[in-house]
N, C-alpha and C. Protein backbone atom coordinates (compact mmCIF):
# COMPACT_ATOMS: atom_id res chain seq x y z
N UNK A 1 3.69 54.20 -24.61
CA UNK A 1 3.03 53.05 -24.04
C UNK A 1 1.98 53.52 -23.03
N UNK A 2 0.86 52.90 -23.08
CA UNK A 2 -0.27 53.25 -22.23
C UNK A 2 -0.09 52.69 -20.83
N UNK A 3 -0.43 53.46 -19.82
CA UNK A 3 -0.33 53.01 -18.43
C UNK A 3 -1.65 52.34 -18.04
N UNK A 4 -1.57 51.14 -17.44
CA UNK A 4 -2.77 50.40 -17.04
C UNK A 4 -3.19 50.75 -15.63
N UNK A 5 -4.49 50.75 -15.41
CA UNK A 5 -5.03 50.87 -14.06
C UNK A 5 -5.00 49.48 -13.44
N UNK A 6 -4.50 49.34 -12.25
CA UNK A 6 -4.36 48.04 -11.59
C UNK A 6 -5.36 47.93 -10.45
N UNK A 7 -6.07 46.82 -10.42
CA UNK A 7 -6.94 46.48 -9.29
C UNK A 7 -6.33 45.26 -8.62
N UNK A 8 -6.06 45.33 -7.34
CA UNK A 8 -5.45 44.21 -6.61
C UNK A 8 -6.56 43.32 -6.06
N UNK A 9 -6.37 42.02 -6.24
CA UNK A 9 -7.36 41.03 -5.83
C UNK A 9 -7.05 40.48 -4.45
N UNK A 10 -8.07 40.41 -3.62
CA UNK A 10 -7.94 39.80 -2.30
C UNK A 10 -7.79 38.29 -2.49
N UNK A 11 -6.87 37.68 -1.77
CA UNK A 11 -6.67 36.23 -1.85
C UNK A 11 -7.63 35.55 -0.90
N UNK A 12 -8.35 34.56 -1.40
CA UNK A 12 -9.33 33.81 -0.62
C UNK A 12 -8.94 32.33 -0.64
N UNK A 13 -9.44 31.58 0.32
CA UNK A 13 -9.22 30.14 0.35
C UNK A 13 -10.45 29.43 -0.22
N UNK A 14 -10.33 28.15 -0.43
CA UNK A 14 -11.47 27.37 -0.90
C UNK A 14 -12.53 27.20 0.18
N UNK A 15 -12.22 27.56 1.44
CA UNK A 15 -13.21 27.53 2.52
C UNK A 15 -14.14 28.75 2.47
N UNK A 16 -13.76 29.77 1.76
CA UNK A 16 -14.57 30.98 1.64
C UNK A 16 -15.88 30.63 0.94
N UNK A 17 -17.04 31.07 1.46
CA UNK A 17 -18.32 30.78 0.80
C UNK A 17 -18.39 31.23 -0.66
N UNK A 18 -17.62 32.23 -1.03
CA UNK A 18 -17.62 32.66 -2.43
C UNK A 18 -17.09 31.58 -3.38
N UNK A 19 -16.25 30.68 -2.86
CA UNK A 19 -15.72 29.61 -3.72
C UNK A 19 -16.86 28.76 -4.28
N UNK A 20 -17.89 28.51 -3.46
CA UNK A 20 -19.02 27.69 -3.90
C UNK A 20 -19.79 28.32 -5.05
N UNK A 21 -19.62 29.62 -5.27
CA UNK A 21 -20.30 30.26 -6.39
C UNK A 21 -19.60 30.01 -7.72
N UNK A 22 -18.33 29.56 -7.67
CA UNK A 22 -17.57 29.35 -8.90
C UNK A 22 -17.12 27.91 -9.10
N UNK A 23 -17.12 27.10 -8.04
CA UNK A 23 -16.63 25.72 -8.16
C UNK A 23 -17.17 24.89 -7.00
N UNK A 24 -16.96 23.58 -7.08
CA UNK A 24 -17.28 22.70 -5.96
C UNK A 24 -16.09 21.78 -5.73
N UNK A 25 -15.85 21.47 -4.48
CA UNK A 25 -14.74 20.59 -4.13
C UNK A 25 -15.10 19.16 -4.51
N UNK A 26 -14.11 18.38 -4.86
CA UNK A 26 -14.31 16.98 -5.24
C UNK A 26 -13.32 16.12 -4.45
N UNK A 27 -13.43 16.18 -3.13
CA UNK A 27 -12.51 15.44 -2.27
C UNK A 27 -12.99 14.01 -2.09
N UNK A 28 -12.06 13.05 -2.05
CA UNK A 28 -12.47 11.67 -1.77
C UNK A 28 -12.85 11.52 -0.30
N UNK A 29 -13.50 10.40 0.05
CA UNK A 29 -13.84 10.15 1.44
C UNK A 29 -12.60 10.11 2.32
N UNK A 30 -12.79 10.35 3.62
CA UNK A 30 -11.68 10.26 4.56
C UNK A 30 -11.14 8.84 4.59
N UNK A 31 -9.85 8.72 4.81
CA UNK A 31 -9.23 7.40 4.85
C UNK A 31 -8.42 7.28 6.12
N UNK A 32 -8.15 6.03 6.49
CA UNK A 32 -7.24 5.78 7.59
C UNK A 32 -5.96 5.25 7.00
N UNK A 33 -4.84 5.55 7.61
CA UNK A 33 -3.55 5.23 7.00
C UNK A 33 -3.26 3.74 6.95
N UNK A 34 -3.97 2.92 7.71
CA UNK A 34 -3.64 1.49 7.72
C UNK A 34 -4.61 0.63 6.91
N UNK A 35 -5.58 1.23 6.22
CA UNK A 35 -6.55 0.45 5.45
C UNK A 35 -6.58 0.89 4.00
N UNK A 36 -6.74 -0.08 3.11
CA UNK A 36 -6.94 0.24 1.70
C UNK A 36 -8.31 0.90 1.53
N UNK A 37 -8.42 1.74 0.52
CA UNK A 37 -9.69 2.41 0.25
C UNK A 37 -9.86 2.54 -1.24
N UNK A 38 -11.01 2.07 -1.74
CA UNK A 38 -11.40 2.34 -3.12
C UNK A 38 -12.75 3.04 -3.05
N UNK A 39 -12.81 4.23 -3.56
CA UNK A 39 -14.04 5.03 -3.55
C UNK A 39 -14.49 5.25 -4.98
N UNK A 40 -15.28 4.30 -5.54
CA UNK A 40 -15.73 4.47 -6.91
C UNK A 40 -16.83 5.53 -7.01
N UNK A 41 -16.71 6.40 -7.98
CA UNK A 41 -17.72 7.42 -8.27
C UNK A 41 -18.11 8.22 -7.03
N UNK A 42 -17.11 8.65 -6.25
CA UNK A 42 -17.41 9.45 -5.06
C UNK A 42 -17.86 10.86 -5.44
N UNK A 43 -17.60 11.26 -6.65
CA UNK A 43 -18.02 12.56 -7.16
C UNK A 43 -18.13 12.47 -8.67
N UNK A 44 -18.63 13.53 -9.29
CA UNK A 44 -18.77 13.51 -10.74
C UNK A 44 -18.82 14.94 -11.27
N UNK A 45 -18.69 15.04 -12.58
CA UNK A 45 -18.90 16.31 -13.27
C UNK A 45 -19.43 16.01 -14.66
N UNK A 46 -20.04 17.01 -15.30
CA UNK A 46 -20.64 16.85 -16.62
C UNK A 46 -19.77 17.51 -17.67
N UNK A 47 -19.76 16.90 -18.86
CA UNK A 47 -19.11 17.55 -19.99
C UNK A 47 -20.20 18.02 -20.97
N UNK A 48 -19.83 18.78 -21.96
CA UNK A 48 -20.78 19.51 -22.80
C UNK A 48 -21.91 18.67 -23.39
N UNK A 49 -21.64 17.42 -23.76
CA UNK A 49 -22.69 16.63 -24.39
C UNK A 49 -23.62 15.98 -23.37
N UNK A 50 -23.44 16.26 -22.09
CA UNK A 50 -24.30 15.70 -21.05
C UNK A 50 -23.76 14.44 -20.40
N UNK A 51 -22.62 13.97 -20.84
CA UNK A 51 -22.01 12.78 -20.24
C UNK A 51 -21.58 13.09 -18.82
N UNK A 52 -21.89 12.17 -17.91
CA UNK A 52 -21.44 12.29 -16.53
C UNK A 52 -20.10 11.59 -16.40
N UNK A 53 -19.10 12.30 -15.91
CA UNK A 53 -17.77 11.73 -15.70
C UNK A 53 -17.61 11.47 -14.20
N UNK A 54 -17.34 10.22 -13.85
CA UNK A 54 -17.18 9.83 -12.46
C UNK A 54 -15.76 10.11 -11.99
N UNK A 55 -15.64 10.53 -10.74
CA UNK A 55 -14.34 10.68 -10.09
C UNK A 55 -14.21 9.55 -9.08
N UNK A 56 -13.16 8.77 -9.20
CA UNK A 56 -12.92 7.67 -8.28
C UNK A 56 -11.53 7.85 -7.67
N UNK A 57 -11.30 7.16 -6.56
CA UNK A 57 -10.05 7.32 -5.82
C UNK A 57 -9.64 5.98 -5.24
N UNK A 58 -8.33 5.69 -5.31
CA UNK A 58 -7.80 4.48 -4.69
C UNK A 58 -6.61 4.85 -3.81
N UNK A 59 -6.60 4.28 -2.61
CA UNK A 59 -5.48 4.47 -1.67
C UNK A 59 -5.05 3.10 -1.17
N UNK A 60 -3.77 2.84 -1.24
CA UNK A 60 -3.17 1.60 -0.72
C UNK A 60 -2.10 2.03 0.28
N UNK A 61 -2.25 1.65 1.56
CA UNK A 61 -1.27 2.09 2.56
C UNK A 61 0.07 1.39 2.39
N UNK A 62 1.09 1.96 3.00
CA UNK A 62 2.39 1.31 3.03
C UNK A 62 2.32 0.00 3.79
N UNK A 63 3.19 -0.94 3.43
CA UNK A 63 3.18 -2.27 4.04
C UNK A 63 4.59 -2.83 4.04
N UNK A 64 4.87 -3.72 4.99
CA UNK A 64 6.17 -4.41 5.00
C UNK A 64 6.21 -5.53 3.97
N UNK A 65 5.03 -5.94 3.47
CA UNK A 65 4.95 -7.02 2.49
C UNK A 65 4.04 -6.59 1.32
N UNK A 66 4.40 -5.53 0.60
CA UNK A 66 3.49 -4.99 -0.41
C UNK A 66 3.25 -5.89 -1.61
N UNK A 67 4.13 -6.86 -1.84
CA UNK A 67 4.00 -7.68 -3.04
C UNK A 67 3.46 -9.07 -2.72
N UNK A 68 2.93 -9.27 -1.53
CA UNK A 68 2.49 -10.61 -1.13
C UNK A 68 1.01 -10.85 -1.39
N UNK A 69 0.27 -9.84 -1.79
CA UNK A 69 -1.18 -9.98 -1.99
C UNK A 69 -1.48 -10.34 -3.44
N UNK A 70 -1.81 -11.62 -3.70
CA UNK A 70 -2.12 -12.02 -5.08
C UNK A 70 -3.40 -11.34 -5.59
N UNK A 71 -3.47 -11.16 -6.89
CA UNK A 71 -4.66 -10.58 -7.52
C UNK A 71 -5.29 -11.64 -8.42
N UNK A 72 -6.60 -11.78 -8.30
CA UNK A 72 -7.31 -12.69 -9.20
C UNK A 72 -8.61 -12.10 -9.72
N UNK A 73 -8.99 -10.92 -9.25
CA UNK A 73 -10.24 -10.26 -9.66
C UNK A 73 -9.89 -8.99 -10.44
N UNK A 74 -10.50 -8.86 -11.61
CA UNK A 74 -10.20 -7.76 -12.53
C UNK A 74 -11.49 -7.12 -13.03
N UNK A 75 -11.36 -5.89 -13.53
CA UNK A 75 -12.50 -5.28 -14.21
C UNK A 75 -12.02 -4.63 -15.50
N UNK A 76 -13.00 -4.39 -16.37
CA UNK A 76 -12.73 -3.65 -17.61
C UNK A 76 -13.93 -2.76 -17.90
N UNK A 77 -13.66 -1.64 -18.54
CA UNK A 77 -14.70 -0.69 -18.91
C UNK A 77 -14.96 -0.87 -20.40
N UNK A 78 -16.21 -1.11 -20.73
CA UNK A 78 -16.57 -1.53 -22.08
C UNK A 78 -16.44 -0.43 -23.13
N UNK A 79 -16.84 0.77 -22.80
CA UNK A 79 -16.93 1.82 -23.82
C UNK A 79 -16.13 3.08 -23.49
N UNK A 80 -15.63 3.20 -22.28
CA UNK A 80 -14.99 4.45 -21.89
C UNK A 80 -13.51 4.27 -21.58
N UNK A 81 -12.78 5.32 -21.86
CA UNK A 81 -11.40 5.39 -21.42
C UNK A 81 -11.39 5.80 -19.95
N UNK A 82 -10.26 5.59 -19.30
CA UNK A 82 -10.14 5.89 -17.87
C UNK A 82 -8.86 6.69 -17.64
N UNK A 83 -9.01 7.91 -17.18
CA UNK A 83 -7.87 8.78 -16.90
C UNK A 83 -7.35 8.48 -15.50
N UNK A 84 -6.05 8.13 -15.38
CA UNK A 84 -5.41 7.87 -14.09
C UNK A 84 -4.45 9.01 -13.80
N UNK A 85 -4.51 9.55 -12.58
CA UNK A 85 -3.63 10.64 -12.14
C UNK A 85 -3.01 10.20 -10.82
N UNK A 86 -1.73 9.86 -10.84
CA UNK A 86 -1.05 9.31 -9.67
C UNK A 86 -0.57 10.44 -8.77
N UNK A 87 -1.06 10.47 -7.54
CA UNK A 87 -0.72 11.56 -6.62
C UNK A 87 0.28 11.15 -5.55
N UNK A 88 0.44 9.84 -5.31
CA UNK A 88 1.35 9.41 -4.25
C UNK A 88 1.93 8.04 -4.58
N UNK A 89 3.24 7.91 -4.49
CA UNK A 89 3.92 6.62 -4.61
C UNK A 89 4.09 6.12 -6.03
N UNK A 90 5.01 5.18 -6.18
CA UNK A 90 5.22 4.43 -7.42
C UNK A 90 4.61 3.05 -7.19
N UNK A 91 4.12 2.43 -8.26
CA UNK A 91 3.51 1.12 -8.08
C UNK A 91 3.57 0.29 -9.35
N UNK A 92 3.36 -1.01 -9.16
CA UNK A 92 3.23 -1.96 -10.26
C UNK A 92 1.74 -2.24 -10.43
N UNK A 93 1.29 -2.27 -11.68
CA UNK A 93 -0.13 -2.53 -11.92
C UNK A 93 -0.27 -3.47 -13.12
N UNK A 94 -1.17 -4.46 -13.01
CA UNK A 94 -1.38 -5.40 -14.11
C UNK A 94 -2.45 -4.90 -15.09
N UNK A 95 -2.16 -5.04 -16.39
CA UNK A 95 -3.11 -4.73 -17.45
C UNK A 95 -3.15 -5.90 -18.42
N UNK A 96 -4.34 -6.23 -18.90
CA UNK A 96 -4.49 -7.31 -19.88
C UNK A 96 -5.49 -6.93 -20.95
N UNK A 97 -5.15 -7.21 -22.20
CA UNK A 97 -6.04 -6.90 -23.31
C UNK A 97 -7.20 -7.87 -23.37
N UNK A 98 -8.34 -7.37 -23.77
CA UNK A 98 -9.52 -8.19 -24.00
C UNK A 98 -9.55 -8.54 -25.49
N UNK A 99 -9.52 -9.83 -25.79
CA UNK A 99 -9.48 -10.26 -27.20
C UNK A 99 -10.84 -10.12 -27.88
N UNK A 100 -11.90 -10.34 -27.11
CA UNK A 100 -13.25 -10.29 -27.68
C UNK A 100 -14.13 -9.40 -26.79
N UNK A 101 -14.14 -8.09 -27.02
CA UNK A 101 -14.88 -7.17 -26.15
C UNK A 101 -16.37 -7.46 -26.03
N UNK A 102 -16.96 -8.13 -27.03
CA UNK A 102 -18.40 -8.44 -26.97
C UNK A 102 -18.71 -9.62 -26.06
N UNK A 103 -17.69 -10.34 -25.63
CA UNK A 103 -17.89 -11.51 -24.77
C UNK A 103 -17.57 -11.14 -23.32
N UNK A 104 -18.59 -11.06 -22.45
CA UNK A 104 -18.33 -10.68 -21.06
C UNK A 104 -17.49 -11.71 -20.30
N UNK A 105 -17.35 -12.91 -20.84
CA UNK A 105 -16.55 -13.95 -20.18
C UNK A 105 -15.09 -13.94 -20.63
N UNK A 106 -14.74 -13.08 -21.58
CA UNK A 106 -13.38 -13.06 -22.12
C UNK A 106 -12.43 -12.34 -21.17
N UNK A 107 -11.68 -13.12 -20.41
CA UNK A 107 -10.65 -12.58 -19.52
C UNK A 107 -9.33 -13.24 -19.90
N UNK A 108 -8.24 -12.49 -19.94
CA UNK A 108 -6.96 -13.09 -20.33
C UNK A 108 -6.52 -14.17 -19.35
N UNK A 109 -5.66 -15.02 -19.83
CA UNK A 109 -5.01 -16.00 -18.95
C UNK A 109 -3.93 -15.26 -18.15
N UNK A 110 -3.52 -15.80 -17.01
CA UNK A 110 -2.48 -15.12 -16.21
C UNK A 110 -1.22 -14.77 -17.00
N UNK A 111 -0.79 -15.64 -17.92
CA UNK A 111 0.44 -15.35 -18.68
C UNK A 111 0.23 -14.31 -19.78
N UNK A 112 -1.01 -13.84 -19.96
CA UNK A 112 -1.30 -12.79 -20.94
C UNK A 112 -1.43 -11.40 -20.29
N UNK A 113 -1.26 -11.35 -18.98
CA UNK A 113 -1.32 -10.08 -18.25
C UNK A 113 0.08 -9.46 -18.24
N UNK A 114 0.15 -8.17 -18.45
CA UNK A 114 1.42 -7.44 -18.41
C UNK A 114 1.44 -6.56 -17.16
N UNK A 115 2.61 -6.45 -16.53
CA UNK A 115 2.75 -5.65 -15.32
C UNK A 115 3.63 -4.44 -15.63
N UNK A 116 3.15 -3.25 -15.29
CA UNK A 116 3.86 -2.01 -15.61
C UNK A 116 4.21 -1.23 -14.35
N UNK A 117 5.36 -0.58 -14.38
CA UNK A 117 5.76 0.33 -13.31
C UNK A 117 5.15 1.70 -13.62
N UNK A 118 4.36 2.21 -12.69
CA UNK A 118 3.74 3.52 -12.81
C UNK A 118 4.35 4.40 -11.72
N UNK A 119 4.71 5.62 -12.07
CA UNK A 119 5.41 6.50 -11.13
C UNK A 119 4.52 7.65 -10.65
N UNK A 120 4.84 8.13 -9.44
CA UNK A 120 4.16 9.31 -8.89
C UNK A 120 4.24 10.43 -9.92
N UNK A 121 3.12 11.08 -10.15
CA UNK A 121 3.05 12.17 -11.12
C UNK A 121 2.62 11.72 -12.50
N UNK A 122 2.64 10.40 -12.77
CA UNK A 122 2.19 9.92 -14.07
C UNK A 122 0.70 10.21 -14.25
N UNK A 123 0.35 10.59 -15.46
CA UNK A 123 -1.04 10.77 -15.85
C UNK A 123 -1.19 10.06 -17.18
N UNK A 124 -2.13 9.10 -17.25
CA UNK A 124 -2.30 8.35 -18.49
C UNK A 124 -3.76 7.97 -18.67
N UNK A 125 -4.12 7.63 -19.90
CA UNK A 125 -5.48 7.23 -20.23
C UNK A 125 -5.48 5.75 -20.58
N UNK A 126 -6.18 4.97 -19.77
CA UNK A 126 -6.33 3.54 -20.02
C UNK A 126 -7.42 3.35 -21.07
N UNK A 127 -7.15 2.56 -22.08
CA UNK A 127 -8.09 2.35 -23.17
C UNK A 127 -9.27 1.49 -22.72
N UNK A 128 -10.41 1.56 -23.44
CA UNK A 128 -11.53 0.68 -23.11
C UNK A 128 -11.13 -0.78 -23.26
N UNK A 129 -11.79 -1.64 -22.52
CA UNK A 129 -11.63 -3.09 -22.61
C UNK A 129 -10.25 -3.59 -22.22
N UNK A 130 -9.57 -2.87 -21.35
CA UNK A 130 -8.30 -3.35 -20.78
C UNK A 130 -8.61 -3.83 -19.37
N UNK A 131 -8.36 -5.12 -19.12
CA UNK A 131 -8.56 -5.68 -17.78
C UNK A 131 -7.52 -5.09 -16.84
N UNK A 132 -7.93 -4.74 -15.62
CA UNK A 132 -7.01 -4.15 -14.65
C UNK A 132 -7.54 -4.37 -13.24
N UNK A 133 -6.65 -4.16 -12.28
CA UNK A 133 -7.04 -4.27 -10.87
C UNK A 133 -6.11 -3.37 -10.06
N UNK A 134 -6.15 -3.53 -8.75
CA UNK A 134 -5.38 -2.68 -7.86
C UNK A 134 -3.88 -2.87 -7.97
N UNK A 135 -3.12 -1.90 -7.47
CA UNK A 135 -1.66 -1.90 -7.61
C UNK A 135 -0.93 -2.58 -6.47
N UNK A 136 0.35 -2.81 -6.70
CA UNK A 136 1.29 -3.21 -5.66
C UNK A 136 2.29 -2.07 -5.49
N UNK A 137 2.43 -1.49 -4.28
CA UNK A 137 3.43 -0.44 -4.09
C UNK A 137 4.83 -0.91 -4.48
N UNK A 138 5.63 -0.01 -5.02
CA UNK A 138 6.97 -0.36 -5.51
C UNK A 138 7.94 -0.69 -4.38
N UNK A 139 7.79 -0.04 -3.24
CA UNK A 139 8.73 -0.23 -2.13
C UNK A 139 7.99 -0.56 -0.85
N UNK A 140 8.68 -1.25 0.04
CA UNK A 140 8.13 -1.51 1.37
C UNK A 140 7.86 -0.18 2.06
N UNK A 141 6.72 -0.08 2.72
CA UNK A 141 6.36 1.13 3.45
C UNK A 141 5.82 2.27 2.59
N UNK A 142 5.78 2.09 1.27
CA UNK A 142 5.33 3.16 0.37
C UNK A 142 3.81 3.10 0.21
N UNK A 143 3.15 4.20 0.50
CA UNK A 143 1.71 4.31 0.24
C UNK A 143 1.51 4.73 -1.21
N UNK A 144 0.36 4.38 -1.76
CA UNK A 144 0.02 4.69 -3.14
C UNK A 144 -1.38 5.31 -3.16
N UNK A 145 -1.55 6.36 -3.94
CA UNK A 145 -2.89 6.89 -4.17
C UNK A 145 -2.97 7.47 -5.57
N UNK A 146 -4.15 7.31 -6.17
CA UNK A 146 -4.38 7.90 -7.47
C UNK A 146 -5.87 8.14 -7.69
N UNK A 147 -6.13 9.09 -8.57
CA UNK A 147 -7.49 9.45 -8.95
C UNK A 147 -7.77 8.89 -10.33
N UNK A 148 -9.03 8.57 -10.57
CA UNK A 148 -9.48 8.10 -11.87
C UNK A 148 -10.68 8.94 -12.31
N UNK A 149 -10.74 9.27 -13.57
CA UNK A 149 -11.89 9.98 -14.13
C UNK A 149 -12.37 9.16 -15.31
N UNK A 150 -13.62 8.77 -15.27
CA UNK A 150 -14.22 7.96 -16.33
C UNK A 150 -15.72 8.00 -16.20
N UNK A 151 -16.41 7.46 -17.16
CA UNK A 151 -17.86 7.33 -17.07
C UNK A 151 -18.14 5.84 -16.95
N UNK A 152 -18.40 5.37 -15.75
CA UNK A 152 -18.70 3.95 -15.63
C UNK A 152 -18.45 3.31 -14.30
N UNK A 153 -18.08 4.01 -13.24
CA UNK A 153 -17.93 3.39 -11.93
C UNK A 153 -19.22 3.42 -11.12
N UNK A 154 -20.21 4.17 -11.58
CA UNK A 154 -21.43 4.29 -10.79
C UNK A 154 -22.44 3.20 -11.16
N UNK A 155 -23.48 3.11 -10.39
CA UNK A 155 -24.55 2.14 -10.62
C UNK A 155 -25.63 2.78 -11.49
N UNK A 156 -26.30 1.97 -12.31
CA UNK A 156 -27.42 2.47 -13.10
C UNK A 156 -28.66 2.55 -12.20
N UNK A 157 -29.72 3.12 -12.73
CA UNK A 157 -30.96 3.24 -11.96
C UNK A 157 -31.49 1.88 -11.54
N UNK A 158 -31.22 0.83 -12.34
CA UNK A 158 -31.68 -0.51 -12.01
C UNK A 158 -30.74 -1.22 -11.03
N UNK A 159 -29.62 -0.58 -10.67
CA UNK A 159 -28.69 -1.17 -9.72
C UNK A 159 -27.52 -1.89 -10.36
N UNK A 160 -27.57 -2.09 -11.68
CA UNK A 160 -26.46 -2.76 -12.37
C UNK A 160 -25.33 -1.80 -12.66
N UNK A 161 -24.22 -2.35 -13.11
CA UNK A 161 -23.06 -1.53 -13.45
C UNK A 161 -23.31 -0.79 -14.76
N UNK A 162 -22.86 0.45 -14.84
CA UNK A 162 -23.07 1.26 -16.03
C UNK A 162 -22.17 0.81 -17.17
N UNK A 163 -20.89 0.67 -16.92
CA UNK A 163 -19.95 0.42 -18.01
C UNK A 163 -18.76 -0.41 -17.57
N UNK A 164 -18.98 -1.41 -16.76
CA UNK A 164 -17.84 -2.26 -16.43
C UNK A 164 -18.29 -3.67 -16.08
N UNK A 165 -17.35 -4.58 -16.25
CA UNK A 165 -17.54 -5.99 -15.93
C UNK A 165 -16.43 -6.37 -14.97
N UNK A 166 -16.76 -7.16 -13.96
CA UNK A 166 -15.74 -7.70 -13.04
C UNK A 166 -15.73 -9.21 -13.16
N UNK A 167 -14.53 -9.78 -13.20
CA UNK A 167 -14.37 -11.23 -13.34
C UNK A 167 -13.15 -11.70 -12.57
N UNK A 168 -13.17 -12.98 -12.19
CA UNK A 168 -12.03 -13.65 -11.59
C UNK A 168 -11.38 -14.54 -12.64
N UNK A 169 -10.09 -14.82 -12.46
CA UNK A 169 -9.45 -15.83 -13.30
C UNK A 169 -10.18 -17.16 -13.11
N UNK A 170 -10.20 -17.97 -14.15
CA UNK A 170 -10.77 -19.32 -14.04
C UNK A 170 -9.87 -20.18 -13.15
N UNK A 171 -10.46 -21.15 -12.49
CA UNK A 171 -9.68 -22.05 -11.63
C UNK A 171 -9.17 -21.32 -10.41
N UNK A 172 -8.04 -21.74 -9.92
CA UNK A 172 -7.44 -21.15 -8.72
C UNK A 172 -6.27 -20.24 -9.06
N UNK A 173 -6.28 -19.59 -10.22
CA UNK A 173 -5.17 -18.76 -10.65
C UNK A 173 -5.21 -17.37 -10.02
N UNK A 174 -4.04 -16.83 -9.77
CA UNK A 174 -3.85 -15.46 -9.31
C UNK A 174 -2.49 -15.00 -9.83
N UNK A 175 -2.20 -13.72 -9.71
CA UNK A 175 -0.93 -13.19 -10.20
C UNK A 175 -0.24 -12.37 -9.11
N UNK A 176 1.08 -12.30 -9.22
CA UNK A 176 1.94 -11.44 -8.40
C UNK A 176 3.03 -10.88 -9.31
N UNK A 177 3.57 -9.71 -9.00
CA UNK A 177 4.69 -9.21 -9.79
C UNK A 177 5.94 -10.04 -9.52
N UNK A 178 6.79 -10.21 -10.54
CA UNK A 178 8.02 -11.00 -10.42
C UNK A 178 9.14 -10.10 -9.90
N UNK A 179 9.32 -10.08 -8.57
CA UNK A 179 10.25 -9.16 -7.91
C UNK A 179 11.12 -9.90 -6.90
N UNK A 180 12.29 -9.32 -6.60
CA UNK A 180 13.09 -9.88 -5.51
C UNK A 180 12.57 -9.32 -4.18
N UNK A 181 13.22 -9.68 -3.09
CA UNK A 181 12.74 -9.27 -1.76
C UNK A 181 12.77 -7.76 -1.52
N UNK A 182 13.55 -7.03 -2.33
CA UNK A 182 13.61 -5.58 -2.15
C UNK A 182 12.71 -4.84 -3.14
N UNK A 183 11.96 -5.58 -3.97
CA UNK A 183 11.04 -4.97 -4.90
C UNK A 183 11.60 -4.68 -6.27
N UNK A 184 12.80 -5.18 -6.56
CA UNK A 184 13.39 -4.98 -7.90
C UNK A 184 12.89 -6.08 -8.84
N UNK A 185 12.55 -5.70 -10.07
CA UNK A 185 12.11 -6.70 -11.04
C UNK A 185 13.17 -7.76 -11.29
N UNK A 186 12.73 -9.00 -11.42
CA UNK A 186 13.65 -10.11 -11.74
C UNK A 186 13.76 -10.29 -13.24
């Protein structure tokens, strides 16, 4: 068996100027622990065909009443999938299918929205044309954060949205997860 010559590598941190020669950091904006933060397209990267992939970040702080905030405003991405990477907390999130993707007014009725439990560490790809909005933390005091990678959170050169539509439910409708006082599904 042949003996190998070994070269030992010096360990460097990402603060070392040499790191910038091989990569760039993609950190979300600073947040305060008591305020929600959504940072759409705070950073981006390119893939081989020239597509720009946006990096977005959502943070929801812990609360004594995490399930009391009704949701009535949703968005959907017309042509792109959306990669979600959950870094903190478990949460409930509403998703609704779009029946007619060519109709920008097509939003599901409240009883057509499904609510899913998403856990810390989950990584999933949301399909195009799925209506969605912000999460409800699973437990009182639990903070939630996750990253999203997609092409479509940024603004176009004309100022319009690149690949998403935002809509409210018609009338005075809103949704909440069906939970008891301790956050367990009913």
